[in-house]
Amino acid sequence: MARVLMKKSAEYATADDKLHNFKRAAPIVRRGQAGALWGMLAKHLVSVADLVERADAGEPPSQEVVDEKIGDCLNYLVLLEAVFAEQRG
C-alpha cells in the first residue's frame, strides 16, 4: 500500500500538497474534498463488489487482484483520513 501511495503521489499530488487532486476535483464535482475523494473511491468499491459477485459465483480472484483492489480502497480510506485531519487543522 505504501509503495502504491508513493507512486501515485508523484502522479496526483504536488510537492507541497499530497491532497492536491481532491482539492482540485472538489469544485468540479461540486462537493468538498471529502466528497470528491468519496466519489473517486466509489470506482474502487465497485471493483471490489464485482470481485465479491464473481467469487460468490465460484470464480474467486487471484491474490494479486485482491491485493490490488482492496489495497486501492484502503489507500483511499487513508487519504480520506488525511483530508479530515487537514480540515480539523
C-alpha atoms as a PDB file:
ATOM      1  CA  MET A   1       0.000   0.000   0.000  1.00  0.00           C
ATOM      2  CA  ALA A   2       2.765   2.429   0.917  1.00  0.00           C
ATOM      3  CA  ARG A   3       4.548   1.758  -2.373  1.00  0.00           C
ATOM      4  CA  VAL A   4       1.381   2.499  -4.340  1.00  0.00           C
ATOM      5  CA  LEU A   5       0.694   5.652  -2.316  1.00  0.00           C
ATOM      6  CA  MET A   6       4.202   6.949  -3.018  1.00  0.00           C
ATOM      7  CA  LYS A   7       3.991   6.122  -6.720  1.00  0.00           C
ATOM      8  CA  LYS A   8       0.576   7.721  -7.111  1.00  0.00           C
ATOM      9  CA  SER A   9       1.670  10.735  -5.094  1.00  0.00           C
ATOM     10  CA  ALA A  10       4.171  11.521  -7.821  1.00  0.00           C
ATOM     11  CA  GLU A  11       1.333  11.446 -10.372  1.00  0.00           C
ATOM     12  CA  TYR A  12      -1.514  13.113  -8.494  1.00  0.00           C
ATOM     13  CA  ALA A  13      -0.024  15.338  -5.789  1.00  0.00           C
ATOM     14  CA  THR A  14       2.230  18.338  -5.739  1.00  0.00           C
ATOM     15  CA  ALA A  15       5.463  18.536  -3.792  1.00  0.00           C
ATOM     16  CA  ASP A  16       3.803  20.581  -1.069  1.00  0.00           C
ATOM     17  CA  ASP A  17       0.258  19.141  -1.145  1.00  0.00           C
ATOM     18  CA  LYS A  18      -0.457  15.404  -1.071  1.00  0.00           C
ATOM     19  CA  LEU A  19      -4.216  16.087  -1.283  1.00  0.00           C
ATOM     20  CA  HIS A  20      -3.957  18.318  -4.364  1.00  0.00           C
ATOM     21  CA  ASN A  21      -6.173  16.192  -6.626  1.00  0.00           C
ATOM     22  CA  PHE A  22      -9.055  16.131  -4.174  1.00  0.00           C
ATOM     23  CA  LYS A  23      -8.903  19.882  -3.689  1.00  0.00           C
ATOM     24  CA  ARG A  24      -8.932  20.445  -7.450  1.00  0.00           C
ATOM     25  CA  ALA A  25     -11.693  17.893  -8.027  1.00  0.00           C
ATOM     26  CA  ALA A  26     -13.978  19.297  -5.320  1.00  0.00           C
ATOM     27  CA  PRO A  27     -15.305  22.297  -7.283  1.00  0.00           C
ATOM     28  CA  ILE A  28     -15.584  20.228 -10.454  1.00  0.00           C
ATOM     29  CA  VAL A  29     -17.924  17.738  -8.791  1.00  0.00           C
ATOM     30  CA  ARG A  30     -19.497  20.451  -6.614  1.00  0.00           C
ATOM     31  CA  ARG A  31     -18.520  18.740  -3.392  1.00  0.00           C
ATOM     32  CA  GLY A  32     -15.978  19.277  -0.663  1.00  0.00           C
ATOM     33  CA  GLN A  33     -12.642  17.500  -0.645  1.00  0.00           C
ATOM     34  CA  ALA A  34     -14.036  14.535   1.264  1.00  0.00           C
ATOM     35  CA  GLY A  35     -16.940  14.244  -1.178  1.00  0.00           C
ATOM     36  CA  ALA A  36     -14.618  14.397  -4.171  1.00  0.00           C
ATOM     37  CA  LEU A  37     -12.449  11.670  -2.677  1.00  0.00           C
ATOM     38  CA  TRP A  38     -15.515   9.579  -1.855  1.00  0.00           C
ATOM     39  CA  GLY A  39     -16.609   9.754  -5.479  1.00  0.00           C
ATOM     40  CA  MET A  40     -13.201   8.560  -6.637  1.00  0.00           C
ATOM     41  CA  LEU A  41     -13.287   5.766  -4.061  1.00  0.00           C
ATOM     42  CA  ALA A  42     -16.654   4.631  -5.430  1.00  0.00           C
ATOM     43  CA  LYS A  43     -14.978   3.316  -8.592  1.00  0.00           C
ATOM     44  CA  HIS A  44     -12.723   1.121  -6.479  1.00  0.00           C
ATOM     45  CA  LEU A  45     -15.613  -0.060  -4.303  1.00  0.00           C
ATOM     46  CA  VAL A  46     -17.454  -1.160  -7.442  1.00  0.00           C
ATOM     47  CA  SER A  47     -14.395  -3.193  -8.465  1.00  0.00           C
ATOM     48  CA  VAL A  48     -14.393  -4.953  -5.099  1.00  0.00           C
ATOM     49  CA  ALA A  49     -18.160  -5.529  -5.308  1.00  0.00           C
ATOM     50  CA  ASP A  50     -17.618  -7.149  -8.700  1.00  0.00           C
ATOM     51  CA  LEU A  51     -14.924  -9.402  -7.189  1.00  0.00           C
ATOM     52  CA  VAL A  52     -17.345 -10.442  -4.457  1.00  0.00           C
ATOM     53  CA  GLU A  53     -20.056 -11.194  -7.009  1.00  0.00           C
ATOM     54  CA  ARG A  54     -17.706 -13.320  -9.120  1.00  0.00           C
ATOM     55  CA  ALA A  55     -16.382 -15.103  -6.002  1.00  0.00           C
ATOM     56  CA  ASP A  56     -19.941 -15.922  -4.955  1.00  0.00           C
ATOM     57  CA  ALA A  57     -20.429 -17.400  -8.432  1.00  0.00           C
ATOM     58  CA  GLY A  58     -17.438 -19.686  -7.916  1.00  0.00           C
ATOM     59  CA  GLU A  59     -14.729 -17.548  -9.543  1.00  0.00           C
ATOM     60  CA  PRO A  60     -12.520 -16.281  -6.722  1.00  0.00           C
ATOM     61  CA  PRO A  61      -9.976 -13.614  -7.660  1.00  0.00           C
ATOM     62  CA  SER A  62      -6.248 -14.187  -7.612  1.00  0.00           C
ATOM     63  CA  GLN A  63      -4.279 -12.940  -4.625  1.00  0.00           C
ATOM     64  CA  GLU A  64      -2.649 -10.346  -6.888  1.00  0.00           C
ATOM     65  CA  VAL A  65      -6.050  -8.908  -7.859  1.00  0.00           C
ATOM     66  CA  VAL A  66      -7.247  -8.979  -4.236  1.00  0.00           C
ATOM     67  CA  ASP A  67      -4.125  -7.130  -3.099  1.00  0.00           C
ATOM     68  CA  GLU A  68      -4.532  -4.501  -5.807  1.00  0.00           C
ATOM     69  CA  LYS A  69      -8.258  -3.843  -5.489  1.00  0.00           C
ATOM     70  CA  ILE A  70      -8.527  -3.954  -1.711  1.00  0.00           C
ATOM     71  CA  GLY A  71      -5.261  -2.040  -1.401  1.00  0.00           C
ATOM     72  CA  ASP A  72      -6.709   0.707  -3.593  1.00  0.00           C
ATOM     73  CA  CYS A  73      -9.730   1.012  -1.289  1.00  0.00           C
ATOM     74  CA  LEU A  74      -7.564   1.051   1.820  1.00  0.00           C
ATOM     75  CA  ASN A  75      -5.335   3.737   0.334  1.00  0.00           C
ATOM     76  CA  TYR A  76      -8.336   5.935  -0.421  1.00  0.00           C
ATOM     77  CA  LEU A  77      -9.527   5.497   3.159  1.00  0.00           C
ATOM     78  CA  VAL A  78      -6.085   6.546   4.422  1.00  0.00           C
ATOM     79  CA  LEU A  79      -6.297   9.599   2.171  1.00  0.00           C
ATOM     80  CA  LEU A  80      -9.790  10.343   3.487  1.00  0.00           C
ATOM     81  CA  GLU A  81      -8.383  10.249   6.990  1.00  0.00           C
ATOM     82  CA  ALA A  82      -5.746  12.790   5.858  1.00  0.00           C
ATOM     83  CA  VAL A  83      -8.446  15.056   4.404  1.00  0.00           C
ATOM     84  CA  PHE A  84     -10.340  15.001   7.698  1.00  0.00           C
ATOM     85  CA  ALA A  85      -7.149  15.654   9.682  1.00  0.00           C
ATOM     86  CA  GLU A  86      -6.268  18.624   7.468  1.00  0.00           C
ATOM     87  CA  GLN A  87      -9.783  20.031   7.829  1.00  0.00           C
ATOM     88  CA  ARG A  88      -9.508  19.842  11.616  1.00  0.00           C
ATOM     89  CA  GLY A  89      -6.271  21.797  11.401  1.00  0.00           C
END
